[in-house]
Amino acid sequence: MYKQCVTRKEAQGTARVFDPTTRAGTVLLDDGTEVAFDGPAFDAGGLRLLRIGQRVKMSVDDGRVVALTLVTLPLPE
């Protein structure tokens, strides 16, 4: 039987902290886990600004956020 290994997944949460200078911040997942993202992950999602409390979705690869955008927008491939 063929077993496929998938390391990239999507997650949703609420923006908790955002620094517009570094474009980095944190997201609070629904289970209470806080996940950090860096500037390149923010840039990959195509956003220009993020407000505290906004609902976001993230693409996570090997435990690292690689893209972040609003829940109403598509994540980059």
PDB file of N, CA and C in Angstrom:
ATOM      1  N   MET A   1       0.846  -1.180   0.000  1.00  0.00           N
ATOM      2  CA  MET A   1       0.000   0.000   0.000  1.00  0.00           C
ATOM      3  C   MET A   1       0.889   1.240   0.000  1.00  0.00           C
ATOM      4  N   TYR A   2       0.526   2.213  -0.797  1.00  0.00           N
ATOM      5  CA  TYR A   2       1.284   3.456  -0.934  1.00  0.00           C
ATOM      6  C   TYR A   2       0.844   4.438   0.139  1.00  0.00           C
ATOM      7  N   LYS A   3       1.778   4.963   0.884  1.00  0.00           N
ATOM      8  CA  LYS A   3       1.480   5.948   1.923  1.00  0.00           C
ATOM      9  C   LYS A   3       2.096   7.281   1.523  1.00  0.00           C
ATOM     10  N   GLN A   4       1.265   8.288   1.403  1.00  0.00           N
ATOM     11  CA  GLN A   4       1.743   9.613   1.019  1.00  0.00           C
ATOM     12  C   GLN A   4       2.061  10.422   2.266  1.00  0.00           C
ATOM     13  N   CYS A   5       3.198  11.088   2.254  1.00  0.00           N
ATOM     14  CA  CYS A   5       3.612  11.924   3.375  1.00  0.00           C
ATOM     15  C   CYS A   5       3.275  13.375   3.052  1.00  0.00           C
ATOM     16  N   VAL A   6       2.372  13.947   3.814  1.00  0.00           N
ATOM     17  CA  VAL A   6       1.967  15.337   3.596  1.00  0.00           C
ATOM     18  C   VAL A   6       2.435  16.152   4.793  1.00  0.00           C
ATOM     19  N   THR A   7       3.297  17.128   4.541  1.00  0.00           N
ATOM     20  CA  THR A   7       3.787  17.961   5.629  1.00  0.00           C
ATOM     21  C   THR A   7       3.139  19.334   5.632  1.00  0.00           C
ATOM     22  N   ARG A   8       2.547  19.748   4.513  1.00  0.00           N
ATOM     23  CA  ARG A   8       1.928  21.066   4.442  1.00  0.00           C
ATOM     24  C   ARG A   8       0.440  20.945   4.759  1.00  0.00           C
ATOM     25  N   LYS A   9      -0.024  21.816   5.653  1.00  0.00           N
ATOM     26  CA  LYS A   9      -1.438  21.808   5.995  1.00  0.00           C
ATOM     27  C   LYS A   9      -1.903  23.232   6.257  1.00  0.00           C
ATOM     28  N   GLU A  10      -3.204  23.391   6.339  1.00  0.00           N
ATOM     29  CA  GLU A  10      -3.789  24.694   6.614  1.00  0.00           C
ATOM     30  C   GLU A  10      -4.300  24.735   8.046  1.00  0.00           C
ATOM     31  N   ALA A  11      -4.237  25.926   8.628  1.00  0.00           N
ATOM     32  CA  ALA A  11      -4.768  26.150   9.975  1.00  0.00           C
ATOM     33  C   ALA A  11      -5.416  27.526  10.004  1.00  0.00           C
ATOM     34  N   GLN A  12      -6.356  27.708  10.908  1.00  0.00           N
ATOM     35  CA  GLN A  12      -7.012  29.004  11.071  1.00  0.00           C
ATOM     36  C   GLN A  12      -6.837  29.490  12.501  1.00  0.00           C
ATOM     37  N   GLY A  13      -6.906  30.800  12.640  1.00  0.00           N
ATOM     38  CA  GLY A  13      -6.793  31.389  13.960  1.00  0.00           C
ATOM     39  C   GLY A  13      -7.111  32.868  13.921  1.00  0.00           C
ATOM     40  N   THR A  14      -6.778  33.546  15.005  1.00  0.00           N
ATOM     41  CA  THR A  14      -7.045  34.975  15.153  1.00  0.00           C
ATOM     42  C   THR A  14      -5.724  35.706  15.373  1.00  0.00           C
ATOM     43  N   ALA A  15      -5.529  36.797  14.627  1.00  0.00           N
ATOM     44  CA  ALA A  15      -4.305  37.587  14.783  1.00  0.00           C
ATOM     45  C   ALA A  15      -4.224  38.122  16.208  1.00  0.00           C
ATOM     46  N   ARG A  16      -3.112  37.846  16.865  1.00  0.00           N
ATOM     47  CA  ARG A  16      -2.926  38.283  18.260  1.00  0.00           C
ATOM     48  C   ARG A  16      -1.957  39.448  18.352  1.00  0.00           C
ATOM     49  N   VAL A  17      -0.844  39.353  17.629  1.00  0.00           N
ATOM     50  CA  VAL A  17       0.186  40.394  17.627  1.00  0.00           C
ATOM     51  C   VAL A  17       0.640  40.592  16.191  1.00  0.00           C
ATOM     52  N   PHE A  18       0.848  41.846  15.795  1.00  0.00           N
ATOM     53  CA  PHE A  18       1.408  42.134  14.467  1.00  0.00           C
ATOM     54  C   PHE A  18       2.250  43.389  14.548  1.00  0.00           C
ATOM     55  N   ASP A  19       3.484  43.306  14.047  1.00  0.00           N
ATOM     56  CA  ASP A  19       4.392  44.449  13.978  1.00  0.00           C
ATOM     57  C   ASP A  19       4.529  44.847  12.510  1.00  0.00           C
ATOM     58  N   PRO A  20       3.967  45.997  12.106  1.00  0.00           N
ATOM     59  CA  PRO A  20       4.016  46.387  10.700  1.00  0.00           C
ATOM     60  C   PRO A  20       5.430  46.678  10.188  1.00  0.00           C
ATOM     61  N   THR A  21       6.358  46.976  11.079  1.00  0.00           N
ATOM     62  CA  THR A  21       7.733  47.241  10.665  1.00  0.00           C
ATOM     63  C   THR A  21       8.438  45.963  10.221  1.00  0.00           C
ATOM     64  N   THR A  22       8.329  44.922  11.021  1.00  0.00           N
ATOM     65  CA  THR A  22       8.982  43.645  10.687  1.00  0.00           C
ATOM     66  C   THR A  22       8.053  42.711   9.922  1.00  0.00           C
ATOM     67  N   ARG A  23       6.748  43.010   9.925  1.00  0.00           N
ATOM     68  CA  ARG A  23       5.700  42.197   9.301  1.00  0.00           C
ATOM     69  C   ARG A  23       5.601  40.819   9.951  1.00  0.00           C
ATOM     70  N   ALA A  24       6.029  40.708  11.193  1.00  0.00           N
ATOM     71  CA  ALA A  24       5.969  39.452  11.943  1.00  0.00           C
ATOM     72  C   ALA A  24       4.935  39.581  13.055  1.00  0.00           C
ATOM     73  N   GLY A  25       4.494  38.444  13.563  1.00  0.00           N
ATOM     74  CA  GLY A  25       3.529  38.470  14.645  1.00  0.00           C
ATOM     75  C   GLY A  25       3.177  37.080  15.107  1.00  0.00           C
ATOM     76  N   THR A  26       2.027  36.998  15.772  1.00  0.00           N
ATOM     77  CA  THR A  26       1.549  35.705  16.251  1.00  0.00           C
ATOM     78  C   THR A  26       0.056  35.567  15.967  1.00  0.00           C
ATOM     79  N   VAL A  27      -0.363  34.309  15.878  1.00  0.00           N
ATOM     80  CA  VAL A  27      -1.763  33.959  15.674  1.00  0.00           C
ATOM     81  C   VAL A  27      -2.164  33.036  16.812  1.00  0.00           C
ATOM     82  N   LEU A  28      -3.357  33.243  17.329  1.00  0.00           N
ATOM     83  CA  LEU A  28      -3.891  32.385  18.373  1.00  0.00           C
ATOM     84  C   LEU A  28      -4.844  31.391  17.712  1.00  0.00           C
ATOM     85  N   LEU A  29      -4.474  30.096  17.743  1.00  0.00           N
ATOM     86  CA  LEU A  29      -5.321  29.058  17.164  1.00  0.00           C
ATOM     87  C   LEU A  29      -6.549  28.845  18.044  1.00  0.00           C
ATOM     88  N   ASP A  30      -7.554  28.169  17.506  1.00  0.00           N
ATOM     89  CA  ASP A  30      -8.799  27.944  18.239  1.00  0.00           C
ATOM     90  C   ASP A  30      -8.594  27.136  19.512  1.00  0.00           C
ATOM     91  N   ASP A  31      -7.552  26.318  19.566  1.00  0.00           N
ATOM     92  CA  ASP A  31      -7.295  25.514  20.765  1.00  0.00           C
ATOM     93  C   ASP A  31      -6.449  26.257  21.803  1.00  0.00           C
ATOM     94  N   GLY A  32      -6.129  27.533  21.531  1.00  0.00           N
ATOM     95  CA  GLY A  32      -5.365  28.349  22.469  1.00  0.00           C
ATOM     96  C   GLY A  32      -3.870  28.374  22.222  1.00  0.00           C
ATOM     97  N   THR A  33      -3.402  27.617  21.240  1.00  0.00           N
ATOM     98  CA  THR A  33      -1.981  27.594  20.912  1.00  0.00           C
ATOM     99  C   THR A  33      -1.590  28.876  20.182  1.00  0.00           C
ATOM    100  N   GLU A  34      -0.482  29.466  20.593  1.00  0.00           N
ATOM    101  CA  GLU A  34       0.026  30.667  19.926  1.00  0.00           C
ATOM    102  C   GLU A  34       1.104  30.259  18.923  1.00  0.00           C
ATOM    103  N   VAL A  35       0.951  30.702  17.681  1.00  0.00           N
ATOM    104  CA  VAL A  35       1.866  30.343  16.597  1.00  0.00           C
ATOM    105  C   VAL A  35       2.481  31.620  16.036  1.00  0.00           C
ATOM    106  N   ALA A  36       3.798  31.644  15.929  1.00  0.00           N
ATOM    107  CA  ALA A  36       4.497  32.818  15.397  1.00  0.00           C
ATOM    108  C   ALA A  36       4.653  32.714  13.884  1.00  0.00           C
ATOM    109  N   PHE A  37       4.651  33.872  13.222  1.00  0.00           N
ATOM    110  CA  PHE A  37       4.955  33.932  11.792  1.00  0.00           C
ATOM    111  C   PHE A  37       5.947  35.062  11.562  1.00  0.00           C
ATOM    112  N   ASP A  38       6.753  34.923  10.496  1.00  0.00           N
ATOM    113  CA  ASP A  38       7.764  35.934  10.199  1.00  0.00           C
ATOM    114  C   ASP A  38       7.347  36.782   8.994  1.00  0.00           C
ATOM    115  N   GLY A  39       8.169  37.770   8.662  1.00  0.00           N
ATOM    116  CA  GLY A  39       7.891  38.666   7.548  1.00  0.00           C
ATOM    117  C   GLY A  39       7.698  37.960   6.220  1.00  0.00           C
ATOM    118  N   PRO A  40       8.576  37.018   5.839  1.00  0.00           N
ATOM    119  CA  PRO A  40       8.382  36.310   4.576  1.00  0.00           C
ATOM    120  C   PRO A  40       7.054  35.543   4.502  1.00  0.00           C
ATOM    121  N   ALA A  41       6.591  34.980   5.603  1.00  0.00           N
ATOM    122  CA  ALA A  41       5.298  34.280   5.617  1.00  0.00           C
ATOM    123  C   ALA A  41       4.164  35.284   5.407  1.00  0.00           C
ATOM    124  N   PHE A  42       4.268  36.454   6.030  1.00  0.00           N
ATOM    125  CA  PHE A  42       3.256  37.492   5.845  1.00  0.00           C
ATOM    126  C   PHE A  42       3.254  37.969   4.396  1.00  0.00           C
ATOM    127  N   ASP A  43       4.430  38.214   3.840  1.00  0.00           N
ATOM    128  CA  ASP A  43       4.534  38.686   2.453  1.00  0.00           C
ATOM    129  C   ASP A  43       3.989  37.666   1.454  1.00  0.00           C
ATOM    130  N   ALA A  44       4.159  36.372   1.731  1.00  0.00           N
ATOM    131  CA  ALA A  44       3.712  35.320   0.819  1.00  0.00           C
ATOM    132  C   ALA A  44       2.200  35.312   0.650  1.00  0.00           C
ATOM    133  N   GLY A  45       1.477  35.784   1.659  1.00  0.00           N
ATOM    134  CA  GLY A  45       0.024  35.794   1.596  1.00  0.00           C
ATOM    135  C   GLY A  45      -0.565  36.968   0.844  1.00  0.00           C
ATOM    136  N   GLY A  46       0.249  37.960   0.512  1.00  0.00           N
ATOM    137  CA  GLY A  46      -0.224  39.097  -0.268  1.00  0.00           C
ATOM    138  C   GLY A  46      -0.934  40.184   0.524  1.00  0.00           C
ATOM    139  N   LEU A  47      -0.877  40.126   1.827  1.00  0.00           N
ATOM    140  CA  LEU A  47      -1.516  41.164   2.634  1.00  0.00           C
ATOM    141  C   LEU A  47      -0.619  42.392   2.757  1.00  0.00           C
ATOM    142  N   ARG A  48      -1.254  43.534   3.037  1.00  0.00           N
ATOM    143  CA  ARG A  48      -0.486  44.755   3.284  1.00  0.00           C
ATOM    144  C   ARG A  48      -0.535  45.154   4.750  1.00  0.00           C
ATOM    145  N   LEU A  49      -1.577  44.722   5.456  1.00  0.00           N
ATOM    146  CA  LEU A  49      -1.779  45.102   6.846  1.00  0.00           C
ATOM    147  C   LEU A  49      -2.572  43.998   7.536  1.00  0.00           C
ATOM    148  N   LEU A  50      -2.366  43.853   8.814  1.00  0.00           N
ATOM    149  CA  LEU A  50      -3.117  42.883   9.604  1.00  0.00           C
ATOM    150  C   LEU A  50      -3.527  43.552  10.906  1.00  0.00           C
ATOM    151  N   ARG A  51      -4.796  43.450  11.250  1.00  0.00           N
ATOM    152  CA  ARG A  51      -5.298  44.043  12.487  1.00  0.00           C
ATOM    153  C   ARG A  51      -5.467  42.963  13.547  1.00  0.00           C
ATOM    154  N   ILE A  52      -5.205  43.320  14.771  1.00  0.00           N
ATOM    155  CA  ILE A  52      -5.404  42.405  15.884  1.00  0.00           C
ATOM    156  C   ILE A  52      -6.876  41.993  15.895  1.00  0.00           C
ATOM    157  N   GLY A  53      -7.123  40.702  16.041  1.00  0.00           N
ATOM    158  CA  GLY A  53      -8.494  40.189  16.079  1.00  0.00           C
ATOM    159  C   GLY A  53      -9.017  39.708  14.739  1.00  0.00           C
ATOM    160  N   GLN A  54      -8.285  39.978  13.649  1.00  0.00           N
ATOM    161  CA  GLN A  54      -8.732  39.497  12.348  1.00  0.00           C
ATOM    162  C   GLN A  54      -8.579  37.987  12.261  1.00  0.00           C
ATOM    163  N   ARG A  55      -9.516  37.359  11.601  1.00  0.00           N
ATOM    164  CA  ARG A  55      -9.479  35.913  11.386  1.00  0.00           C
ATOM    165  C   ARG A  55      -8.575  35.636  10.191  1.00  0.00           C
ATOM    166  N   VAL A  56      -7.621  34.721  10.367  1.00  0.00           N
ATOM    167  CA  VAL A  56      -6.658  34.413   9.309  1.00  0.00           C
ATOM    168  C   VAL A  56      -6.551  32.902   9.105  1.00  0.00           C
ATOM    169  N   LYS A  57      -6.036  32.528   7.943  1.00  0.00           N
ATOM    170  CA  LYS A  57      -5.676  31.137   7.699  1.00  0.00           C
ATOM    171  C   LYS A  57      -4.213  31.111   7.289  1.00  0.00           C
ATOM    172  N   MET A  58      -3.574  29.997   7.618  1.00  0.00           N
ATOM    173  CA  MET A  58      -2.132  29.876   7.392  1.00  0.00           C
ATOM    174  C   MET A  58      -1.833  28.573   6.690  1.00  0.00           C
ATOM    175  N   SER A  59      -0.774  28.592   5.927  1.00  0.00           N
ATOM    176  CA  SER A  59      -0.220  27.378   5.362  1.00  0.00           C
ATOM    177  C   SER A  59       0.999  27.040   6.213  1.00  0.00           C
ATOM    178  N   VAL A  60       1.000  25.838   6.784  1.00  0.00           N
ATOM    179  CA  VAL A  60       2.061  25.414   7.700  1.00  0.00           C
ATOM    180  C   VAL A  60       2.812  24.248   7.070  1.00  0.00           C
ATOM    181  N   ASP A  61       4.130  24.352   7.028  1.00  0.00           N
ATOM    182  CA  ASP A  61       4.973  23.307   6.455  1.00  0.00           C
ATOM    183  C   ASP A  61       6.046  22.928   7.471  1.00  0.00           C
ATOM    184  N   ASP A  62       6.039  21.683   7.908  1.00  0.00           N
ATOM    185  CA  ASP A  62       6.988  21.186   8.914  1.00  0.00           C
ATOM    186  C   ASP A  62       7.008  22.052  10.171  1.00  0.00           C
ATOM    187  N   GLY A  63       5.819  22.481  10.620  1.00  0.00           N
ATOM    188  CA  GLY A  63       5.713  23.252  11.847  1.00  0.00           C
ATOM    189  C   GLY A  63       6.000  24.732  11.718  1.00  0.00           C
ATOM    190  N   ARG A  64       6.282  25.202  10.516  1.00  0.00           N
ATOM    191  CA  ARG A  64       6.611  26.620  10.279  1.00  0.00           C
ATOM    192  C   ARG A  64       5.550  27.250   9.387  1.00  0.00           C
ATOM    193  N   VAL A  65       5.074  28.429   9.745  1.00  0.00           N
ATOM    194  CA  VAL A  65       4.104  29.148   8.920  1.00  0.00           C
ATOM    195  C   VAL A  65       4.830  29.662   7.686  1.00  0.00           C
ATOM    196  N   VAL A  66       4.353  29.287   6.500  1.00  0.00           N
ATOM    197  CA  VAL A  66       4.998  29.718   5.250  1.00  0.00           C
ATOM    198  C   VAL A  66       4.164  30.744   4.498  1.00  0.00           C
ATOM    199  N   ALA A  67       2.875  30.853   4.826  1.00  0.00           N
ATOM    200  CA  ALA A  67       2.011  31.863   4.206  1.00  0.00           C
ATOM    201  C   ALA A  67       0.843  32.135   5.140  1.00  0.00           C
ATOM    202  N   LEU A  68       0.376  33.368   5.120  1.00  0.00           N
ATOM    203  CA  LEU A  68      -0.705  33.795   6.001  1.00  0.00           C
ATOM    204  C   LEU A  68      -1.583  34.765   5.228  1.00  0.00           C
ATOM    205  N   THR A  69      -2.896  34.597   5.285  1.00  0.00           N
ATOM    206  CA  THR A  69      -3.813  35.516   4.633  1.00  0.00           C
ATOM    207  C   THR A  69      -5.142  35.514   5.373  1.00  0.00           C
ATOM    208  N   LEU A  70      -6.062  36.361   4.957  1.00  0.00           N
ATOM    209  CA  LEU A  70      -7.384  36.400   5.575  1.00  0.00           C
ATOM    210  C   LEU A  70      -8.168  35.157   5.167  1.00  0.00           C
ATOM    211  N   VAL A  71      -9.119  34.750   5.982  1.00  0.00           N
ATOM    212  CA  VAL A  71      -9.879  33.532   5.700  1.00  0.00           C
ATOM    213  C   VAL A  71     -10.682  33.640   4.412  1.00  0.00           C
ATOM    214  N   THR A  72     -10.990  34.851   3.983  1.00  0.00           N
ATOM    215  CA  THR A  72     -11.786  35.042   2.769  1.00  0.00           C
ATOM    216  C   THR A  72     -10.941  35.037   1.502  1.00  0.00           C
ATOM    217  N   LEU A  73      -9.628  34.990   1.628  1.00  0.00           N
ATOM    218  CA  LEU A  73      -8.726  35.002   0.479  1.00  0.00           C
ATOM    219  C   LEU A  73      -8.053  33.644   0.313  1.00  0.00           C
ATOM    220  N   PRO A  74      -7.670  33.302  -0.940  1.00  0.00           N
ATOM    221  CA  PRO A  74      -6.988  32.012  -1.133  1.00  0.00           C
ATOM    222  C   PRO A  74      -5.529  32.091  -0.707  1.00  0.00           C
ATOM    223  N   LEU A  75      -5.021  30.983  -0.192  1.00  0.00           N
ATOM    224  CA  LEU A  75      -3.593  30.877   0.106  1.00  0.00           C
ATOM    225  C   LEU A  75      -2.822  30.625  -1.175  1.00  0.00           C
ATOM    226  N   PRO A  76      -1.604  31.121  -1.262  1.00  0.00           N
ATOM    227  CA  PRO A  76      -0.799  30.839  -2.458  1.00  0.00           C
ATOM    228  C   PRO A  76      -0.457  29.351  -2.525  1.00  0.00           C
ATOM    229  N   GLU A  77      -0.307  28.855  -3.715  1.00  0.00           N
ATOM    230  CA  GLU A  77       0.058  27.429  -3.919  1.00  0.00           C
ATOM    231  C   GLU A  77       1.467  27.157  -3.524  1.00  0.00           C
TER     232      GLU A  77
END
